[in-house]
């Protein structure tokens, strides 16, 4: 007579958990790096028009250029 034996689920080994955590951290770092590069790329664009309702400035320096920088 055969018996059905149920195996106990074994917990993940520590090495697998560590590898999974390192992989997740690497994916997160790549995502944050991509966001930072995107922010720098957007930051270099020129803003032609700016509208501000309320602004407090301690020190303001305005530099006017005659033409585009080469």
N, C-alpha and C. Protein backbone atom coordinates (compact mmCIF):
# COMPACT_ATOMS: atom_id res chain seq x y z
N UNK A 1 0.84 -1.17 0.00
CA UNK A 1 0.00 0.00 0.00
C UNK A 1 0.90 1.24 0.00
N UNK A 2 0.68 2.14 -0.98
CA UNK A 2 1.50 3.35 -1.11
C UNK A 2 0.92 4.47 -0.26
N UNK A 3 1.82 5.26 0.27
CA UNK A 3 1.38 6.41 1.07
C UNK A 3 1.81 7.69 0.37
N UNK A 4 0.94 8.67 0.40
CA UNK A 4 1.29 9.99 -0.13
C UNK A 4 2.01 10.75 0.96
N UNK A 5 3.23 11.12 0.66
CA UNK A 5 4.02 11.84 1.64
C UNK A 5 4.14 13.29 1.18
N UNK A 6 3.74 14.17 2.03
CA UNK A 6 3.85 15.60 1.70
C UNK A 6 5.19 16.11 2.20
N UNK A 7 5.91 16.76 1.31
CA UNK A 7 7.20 17.33 1.71
C UNK A 7 6.97 18.68 2.37
N UNK A 8 7.76 18.92 3.37
CA UNK A 8 7.71 20.22 4.03
C UNK A 8 8.38 21.26 3.14
N UNK A 9 7.79 22.44 3.02
CA UNK A 9 8.47 23.48 2.25
C UNK A 9 9.72 23.94 3.00
N UNK A 10 10.83 23.93 2.28
CA UNK A 10 12.08 24.35 2.91
C UNK A 10 12.27 25.85 2.72
N UNK A 11 12.80 26.52 3.72
CA UNK A 11 13.07 27.95 3.54
C UNK A 11 14.20 28.16 2.53
N UNK A 12 14.20 29.33 1.89
CA UNK A 12 15.25 29.62 0.91
C UNK A 12 16.59 29.67 1.62
N UNK A 13 17.61 29.15 1.01
CA UNK A 13 18.94 29.24 1.62
C UNK A 13 19.39 30.70 1.71
N UNK A 14 20.25 30.97 2.65
CA UNK A 14 20.72 32.33 2.88
C UNK A 14 21.43 32.90 1.65
N UNK A 15 22.15 32.05 0.95
CA UNK A 15 22.88 32.53 -0.24
C UNK A 15 21.90 32.99 -1.32
N UNK A 16 20.79 32.28 -1.48
CA UNK A 16 19.78 32.68 -2.47
C UNK A 16 19.12 33.99 -2.07
N UNK A 17 18.84 34.14 -0.80
CA UNK A 17 18.23 35.38 -0.31
C UNK A 17 19.19 36.55 -0.52
N UNK A 18 20.46 36.33 -0.24
CA UNK A 18 21.46 37.39 -0.42
C UNK A 18 21.59 37.75 -1.89
N UNK A 19 21.61 36.77 -2.76
CA UNK A 19 21.71 37.03 -4.19
C UNK A 19 20.48 37.79 -4.69
N UNK A 20 19.32 37.42 -4.20
CA UNK A 20 18.08 38.11 -4.57
C UNK A 20 18.12 39.57 -4.10
N UNK A 21 18.56 39.79 -2.88
CA UNK A 21 18.64 41.15 -2.33
C UNK A 21 19.64 42.00 -3.10
N UNK A 22 20.78 41.41 -3.45
CA UNK A 22 21.78 42.15 -4.22
C UNK A 22 21.26 42.48 -5.62
N UNK A 23 20.55 41.57 -6.23
CA UNK A 23 19.96 41.83 -7.54
C UNK A 23 18.92 42.94 -7.48
N UNK A 24 18.09 42.91 -6.46
CA UNK A 24 17.08 43.96 -6.30
C UNK A 24 17.74 45.31 -6.07
N UNK A 25 18.80 45.34 -5.28
CA UNK A 25 19.52 46.60 -5.03
C UNK A 25 20.17 47.11 -6.32
N UNK A 26 20.70 46.22 -7.14
CA UNK A 26 21.32 46.63 -8.40
C UNK A 26 20.28 47.21 -9.35
N UNK A 27 19.12 46.58 -9.43
CA UNK A 27 18.05 47.10 -10.29
C UNK A 27 17.61 48.47 -9.79
N UNK A 28 17.49 48.63 -8.49
CA UNK A 28 17.12 49.93 -7.92
C UNK A 28 18.16 50.99 -8.22
N UNK A 29 19.43 50.64 -8.12
CA UNK A 29 20.51 51.59 -8.41
C UNK A 29 20.48 52.02 -9.87
N UNK A 30 20.22 51.09 -10.76
CA UNK A 30 20.13 51.43 -12.19
C UNK A 30 18.95 52.36 -12.43
N UNK A 31 17.83 52.09 -11.78
CA UNK A 31 16.65 52.94 -11.95
C UNK A 31 16.91 54.35 -11.42
N UNK A 32 17.54 54.45 -10.27
CA UNK A 32 17.85 55.77 -9.71
C UNK A 32 18.85 56.51 -10.60
N UNK A 33 19.82 55.80 -11.13
CA UNK A 33 20.78 56.42 -12.05
C UNK A 33 20.11 56.93 -13.31
N UNK A 34 19.17 56.16 -13.83
CA UNK A 34 18.45 56.60 -15.03
C UNK A 34 17.63 57.86 -14.73
N UNK A 35 17.02 57.90 -13.57
CA UNK A 35 16.27 59.10 -13.19
C UNK A 35 17.19 60.31 -13.05
N UNK A 36 18.36 60.10 -12.45
CA UNK A 36 19.30 61.20 -12.28
C UNK A 36 19.80 61.72 -13.63
N UNK A 37 20.09 60.83 -14.56
CA UNK A 37 20.54 61.25 -15.89
C UNK A 37 19.42 62.00 -16.60
N UNK A 38 18.21 61.53 -16.46
CA UNK A 38 17.08 62.23 -17.06
C UNK A 38 16.89 63.61 -16.48
N UNK A 39 17.09 63.74 -15.18
CA UNK A 39 16.94 65.05 -14.54
C UNK A 39 18.03 66.00 -15.01
N UNK A 40 19.25 65.53 -15.17
CA UNK A 40 20.33 66.38 -15.67
C UNK A 40 20.02 66.81 -17.11
N UNK A 41 19.53 65.89 -17.92
CA UNK A 41 19.21 66.22 -19.31
C UNK A 41 18.09 67.26 -19.37
N UNK A 42 17.10 67.12 -18.52
CA UNK A 42 16.00 68.09 -18.49
C UNK A 42 16.50 69.42 -17.92
N UNK A 43 17.40 69.37 -16.95
CA UNK A 43 17.91 70.59 -16.33
C UNK A 43 18.70 71.45 -17.29
N UNK A 44 19.25 70.89 -18.34
CA UNK A 44 20.05 71.66 -19.29
C UNK A 44 19.20 72.33 -20.36
N UNK A 45 17.92 72.07 -20.38
CA UNK A 45 17.06 72.72 -21.35
C UNK A 45 16.82 74.15 -20.93
N UNK A 46 16.58 75.01 -21.88
CA UNK A 46 16.33 76.41 -21.59
C UNK A 46 14.86 76.63 -21.30
N UNK A 47 14.61 77.45 -20.33
CA UNK A 47 13.24 77.83 -20.01
C UNK A 47 13.04 79.24 -20.54
N UNK A 48 12.15 79.38 -21.49
CA UNK A 48 11.90 80.68 -22.11
C UNK A 48 10.98 81.55 -21.27
N UNK A 49 10.04 80.95 -20.59
CA UNK A 49 9.06 81.71 -19.83
C UNK A 49 8.88 81.05 -18.48
N UNK A 50 8.88 81.87 -17.42
CA UNK A 50 8.72 81.35 -16.07
C UNK A 50 7.72 82.23 -15.34
N UNK A 51 6.74 81.59 -14.72
CA UNK A 51 5.74 82.33 -13.97
C UNK A 51 5.80 81.86 -12.53
N UNK A 52 5.96 82.81 -11.59
CA UNK A 52 6.07 82.50 -10.18
C UNK A 52 5.08 83.37 -9.42
N UNK A 53 4.29 82.77 -8.55
CA UNK A 53 3.33 83.54 -7.75
C UNK A 53 4.02 84.23 -6.58
N UNK A 54 4.85 83.50 -5.87
CA UNK A 54 5.53 84.07 -4.71
C UNK A 54 6.94 83.50 -4.67
N UNK A 55 7.91 84.37 -4.45
CA UNK A 55 9.32 83.94 -4.47
C UNK A 55 10.10 84.72 -3.43
N UNK A 56 10.86 84.03 -2.61
CA UNK A 56 11.75 84.66 -1.65
C UNK A 56 13.17 84.29 -2.03
N UNK A 57 14.01 85.33 -2.21
CA UNK A 57 15.39 85.11 -2.64
C UNK A 57 16.32 85.85 -1.70
N UNK A 58 17.32 85.18 -1.19
CA UNK A 58 18.30 85.84 -0.33
C UNK A 58 19.34 86.58 -1.17
N UNK A 59 19.82 85.93 -2.20
CA UNK A 59 20.83 86.54 -3.05
C UNK A 59 20.49 86.18 -4.49
N UNK A 60 20.44 87.19 -5.35
CA UNK A 60 20.09 86.97 -6.74
C UNK A 60 21.17 87.60 -7.61
N UNK A 61 21.69 86.84 -8.53
CA UNK A 61 22.70 87.35 -9.45
C UNK A 61 22.17 87.12 -10.87
N UNK A 62 22.09 88.19 -11.62
CA UNK A 62 21.59 88.10 -12.98
C UNK A 62 22.73 88.39 -13.93
N UNK A 63 22.96 87.49 -14.86
CA UNK A 63 24.01 87.64 -15.86
C UNK A 63 23.34 87.64 -17.21
N UNK A 64 23.59 88.68 -17.99
CA UNK A 64 23.01 88.76 -19.32
C UNK A 64 24.07 88.44 -20.35
N UNK A 65 23.69 87.64 -21.32
CA UNK A 65 24.58 87.27 -22.42
C UNK A 65 24.08 87.91 -23.71
N UNK A 66 25.01 88.35 -24.55
CA UNK A 66 24.63 88.95 -25.82
C UNK A 66 24.19 87.90 -26.83
N UNK A 67 24.81 86.77 -26.79
CA UNK A 67 24.49 85.73 -27.77
C UNK A 67 24.69 84.36 -27.17
N UNK A 68 24.44 83.33 -27.97
CA UNK A 68 24.63 81.97 -27.47
C UNK A 68 26.11 81.64 -27.28
N UNK A 69 26.37 80.82 -26.27
CA UNK A 69 27.73 80.36 -26.01
C UNK A 69 28.13 79.34 -27.07
N UNK A 70 29.37 79.41 -27.49
CA UNK A 70 29.85 78.47 -28.50
C UNK A 70 30.68 77.42 -27.87
